[in-house]
Amino acid sequence: SNSLLLLSNSSNAIECKYYENVDTNYYNFIKLTELDSINLFIKGEFQFSIINECQDTTKVTDGFFDLNYIY
């Protein structure tokens, strides 16, 4: 199943509540800045812009992650 961001700033809530299309005109990226396979942690940065059916846009900027992992 797909995870979707549920937001709405439109009066047409049924058609416009799912942000599932990536805005290809925006600089979307995910960048790994650190990967430590000995201590099992990963760090990185990301940003993206998504669009719903009503052309409302939501942007995530200055995103980061810093987490441990198990494989």
N, C-alpha and C. Protein backbone atom coordinates (compact mmCIF):
# COMPACT_ATOMS: atom_id res chain seq x y z
N SER A 1 0.84 -1.18 0.00
CA SER A 1 0.00 0.00 0.00
C SER A 1 0.88 1.24 0.00
N ASN A 2 0.40 2.30 -0.62
CA ASN A 2 1.15 3.55 -0.70
C ASN A 2 0.82 4.43 0.48
N SER A 3 1.81 5.14 1.00
CA SER A 3 1.59 6.14 2.03
C SER A 3 1.37 7.47 1.34
N LEU A 4 0.34 8.18 1.77
CA LEU A 4 0.02 9.46 1.19
C LEU A 4 -0.04 10.50 2.28
N LEU A 5 0.38 11.72 2.00
CA LEU A 5 0.28 12.82 2.93
C LEU A 5 -1.14 13.37 2.83
N LEU A 6 -1.84 13.44 3.94
CA LEU A 6 -3.22 13.91 3.96
C LEU A 6 -3.27 15.34 4.47
N LEU A 7 -3.41 16.29 3.57
CA LEU A 7 -3.53 17.70 3.88
C LEU A 7 -4.54 18.31 2.95
N SER A 8 -5.19 19.37 3.36
CA SER A 8 -6.10 20.03 2.45
C SER A 8 -6.25 21.49 2.83
N ASN A 9 -6.12 22.37 1.86
CA ASN A 9 -6.43 23.78 2.06
C ASN A 9 -7.43 24.21 1.00
N SER A 10 -8.18 23.28 0.50
CA SER A 10 -9.14 23.52 -0.56
C SER A 10 -10.54 23.18 -0.08
N SER A 11 -11.55 23.86 -0.60
CA SER A 11 -12.93 23.56 -0.22
C SER A 11 -13.41 22.25 -0.83
N ASN A 12 -12.72 21.74 -1.84
CA ASN A 12 -13.10 20.49 -2.50
C ASN A 12 -12.29 19.36 -1.86
N ALA A 13 -12.62 19.02 -0.60
CA ALA A 13 -11.77 18.15 0.22
C ALA A 13 -11.68 16.72 -0.31
N ILE A 14 -12.70 16.20 -0.94
CA ILE A 14 -12.67 14.80 -1.37
C ILE A 14 -11.63 14.59 -2.46
N GLU A 15 -11.63 15.41 -3.49
CA GLU A 15 -10.69 15.24 -4.59
C GLU A 15 -9.31 15.81 -4.27
N CYS A 16 -9.22 16.70 -3.31
CA CYS A 16 -7.99 17.45 -3.12
C CYS A 16 -7.20 17.07 -1.87
N LYS A 17 -7.62 16.07 -1.12
CA LYS A 17 -6.94 15.80 0.14
C LYS A 17 -5.70 14.93 0.00
N TYR A 18 -5.52 14.23 -1.10
CA TYR A 18 -4.37 13.35 -1.26
C TYR A 18 -3.28 14.01 -2.08
N TYR A 19 -2.11 14.18 -1.48
CA TYR A 19 -0.95 14.71 -2.17
C TYR A 19 -0.10 13.52 -2.60
N GLU A 20 -0.23 13.14 -3.86
CA GLU A 20 0.45 11.92 -4.30
C GLU A 20 1.31 12.11 -5.54
N ASN A 21 1.37 13.30 -6.08
CA ASN A 21 2.17 13.54 -7.28
C ASN A 21 3.38 14.41 -6.94
N VAL A 22 4.56 13.98 -7.31
CA VAL A 22 5.78 14.75 -7.08
C VAL A 22 5.84 15.88 -8.10
N ASP A 23 6.16 17.07 -7.64
CA ASP A 23 6.34 18.23 -8.51
C ASP A 23 7.70 18.12 -9.18
N THR A 24 7.71 17.74 -10.45
CA THR A 24 8.97 17.52 -11.16
C THR A 24 9.68 18.82 -11.53
N ASN A 25 9.03 19.97 -11.34
CA ASN A 25 9.67 21.26 -11.59
C ASN A 25 10.43 21.78 -10.38
N TYR A 26 10.38 21.05 -9.27
CA TYR A 26 11.05 21.44 -8.04
C TYR A 26 12.32 20.60 -7.88
N TYR A 27 13.28 21.10 -7.13
CA TYR A 27 14.53 20.37 -6.89
C TYR A 27 14.29 19.38 -5.75
N ASN A 28 13.78 18.18 -6.07
CA ASN A 28 13.53 17.11 -5.12
C ASN A 28 14.81 16.29 -4.97
N PHE A 29 15.18 15.98 -3.72
CA PHE A 29 16.38 15.17 -3.55
C PHE A 29 16.38 14.46 -2.21
N ILE A 30 17.14 13.41 -2.13
CA ILE A 30 17.53 12.75 -0.89
C ILE A 30 19.03 12.54 -0.98
N LYS A 31 19.75 12.96 0.06
CA LYS A 31 21.21 12.90 0.03
C LYS A 31 21.69 12.20 1.30
N LEU A 32 22.45 11.13 1.12
CA LEU A 32 23.08 10.47 2.26
C LEU A 32 24.36 11.22 2.59
N THR A 33 24.48 11.67 3.83
CA THR A 33 25.67 12.41 4.23
C THR A 33 26.62 11.55 5.06
N GLU A 34 26.08 10.49 5.67
CA GLU A 34 26.91 9.60 6.46
C GLU A 34 26.27 8.22 6.50
N LEU A 35 27.09 7.20 6.32
CA LEU A 35 26.63 5.81 6.42
C LEU A 35 27.72 5.04 7.15
N ASP A 36 27.39 4.57 8.35
CA ASP A 36 28.36 3.86 9.19
C ASP A 36 27.87 2.42 9.35
N SER A 37 28.50 1.50 8.63
CA SER A 37 28.08 0.10 8.67
C SER A 37 28.66 -0.64 9.88
N ILE A 38 29.57 -0.04 10.60
CA ILE A 38 30.11 -0.64 11.83
C ILE A 38 29.16 -0.34 13.00
N ASN A 39 28.82 0.93 13.17
CA ASN A 39 27.94 1.36 14.27
C ASN A 39 26.46 1.39 13.86
N LEU A 40 26.18 1.06 12.60
CA LEU A 40 24.83 0.92 12.05
C LEU A 40 23.98 2.19 12.19
N PHE A 41 24.50 3.29 11.66
CA PHE A 41 23.67 4.48 11.58
C PHE A 41 23.80 5.13 10.21
N ILE A 42 22.79 5.91 9.88
CA ILE A 42 22.71 6.60 8.60
C ILE A 42 22.20 8.02 8.85
N LYS A 43 22.76 8.97 8.13
CA LYS A 43 22.34 10.37 8.23
C LYS A 43 22.16 10.92 6.82
N GLY A 44 21.26 11.87 6.70
CA GLY A 44 21.06 12.48 5.40
C GLY A 44 20.13 13.67 5.43
N GLU A 45 19.91 14.20 4.25
CA GLU A 45 19.06 15.39 4.06
C GLU A 45 18.10 15.13 2.90
N PHE A 46 16.97 15.84 2.89
CA PHE A 46 16.02 15.69 1.79
C PHE A 46 15.14 16.92 1.66
N GLN A 47 14.56 17.07 0.49
CA GLN A 47 13.50 18.05 0.25
C GLN A 47 12.68 17.59 -0.93
N PHE A 48 11.40 17.97 -0.93
CA PHE A 48 10.52 17.60 -2.03
C PHE A 48 9.30 18.50 -2.05
N SER A 49 8.63 18.48 -3.17
CA SER A 49 7.38 19.21 -3.35
C SER A 49 6.37 18.24 -3.96
N ILE A 50 5.16 18.24 -3.41
CA ILE A 50 4.10 17.36 -3.92
C ILE A 50 2.86 18.17 -4.26
N ILE A 51 2.04 17.63 -5.17
CA ILE A 51 0.86 18.32 -5.70
C ILE A 51 -0.35 17.39 -5.58
N ASN A 52 -1.52 17.98 -5.29
CA ASN A 52 -2.74 17.18 -5.29
C ASN A 52 -3.53 17.43 -6.58
N GLU A 53 -4.71 16.83 -6.68
CA GLU A 53 -5.53 16.93 -7.89
C GLU A 53 -6.01 18.36 -8.17
N CYS A 54 -6.06 19.21 -7.14
CA CYS A 54 -6.49 20.60 -7.31
C CYS A 54 -5.32 21.55 -7.53
N GLN A 55 -4.13 20.98 -7.75
CA GLN A 55 -2.90 21.73 -7.98
C GLN A 55 -2.44 22.52 -6.76
N ASP A 56 -2.90 22.14 -5.55
CA ASP A 56 -2.34 22.69 -4.32
C ASP A 56 -0.97 22.04 -4.15
N THR A 57 -0.01 22.80 -3.65
CA THR A 57 1.35 22.31 -3.50
C THR A 57 1.77 22.35 -2.04
N THR A 58 2.47 21.31 -1.62
CA THR A 58 3.09 21.27 -0.30
C THR A 58 4.57 20.99 -0.48
N LYS A 59 5.41 21.78 0.20
CA LYS A 59 6.86 21.62 0.08
C LYS A 59 7.44 21.25 1.44
N VAL A 60 8.35 20.31 1.42
CA VAL A 60 9.14 19.96 2.60
C VAL A 60 10.57 20.38 2.27
N THR A 61 11.12 21.28 3.08
CA THR A 61 12.48 21.76 2.86
C THR A 61 13.30 21.53 4.12
N ASP A 62 14.58 21.45 3.97
CA ASP A 62 15.50 21.27 5.09
C ASP A 62 15.20 20.01 5.91
N GLY A 63 14.70 18.96 5.24
CA GLY A 63 14.45 17.70 5.93
C GLY A 63 15.75 17.00 6.25
N PHE A 64 15.77 16.27 7.36
CA PHE A 64 16.96 15.51 7.71
C PHE A 64 16.56 14.24 8.44
N PHE A 65 17.45 13.27 8.43
CA PHE A 65 17.27 12.06 9.20
C PHE A 65 18.60 11.64 9.78
N ASP A 66 18.53 11.02 10.94
CA ASP A 66 19.70 10.56 11.70
C ASP A 66 19.20 9.37 12.50
N LEU A 67 19.46 8.16 12.02
CA LEU A 67 18.86 7.01 12.66
C LEU A 67 19.75 5.78 12.62
N ASN A 68 19.47 4.88 13.51
CA ASN A 68 20.16 3.59 13.54
C ASN A 68 19.36 2.62 12.67
N TYR A 69 20.05 1.62 12.14
CA TYR A 69 19.36 0.62 11.33
C TYR A 69 19.86 -0.77 11.68
N ILE A 70 19.08 -1.75 11.32
CA ILE A 70 19.42 -3.16 11.52
C ILE A 70 19.27 -3.86 10.18
N TYR A 71 20.21 -4.68 9.82
CA TYR A 71 20.05 -5.44 8.57
C TYR A 71 20.30 -6.89 8.81
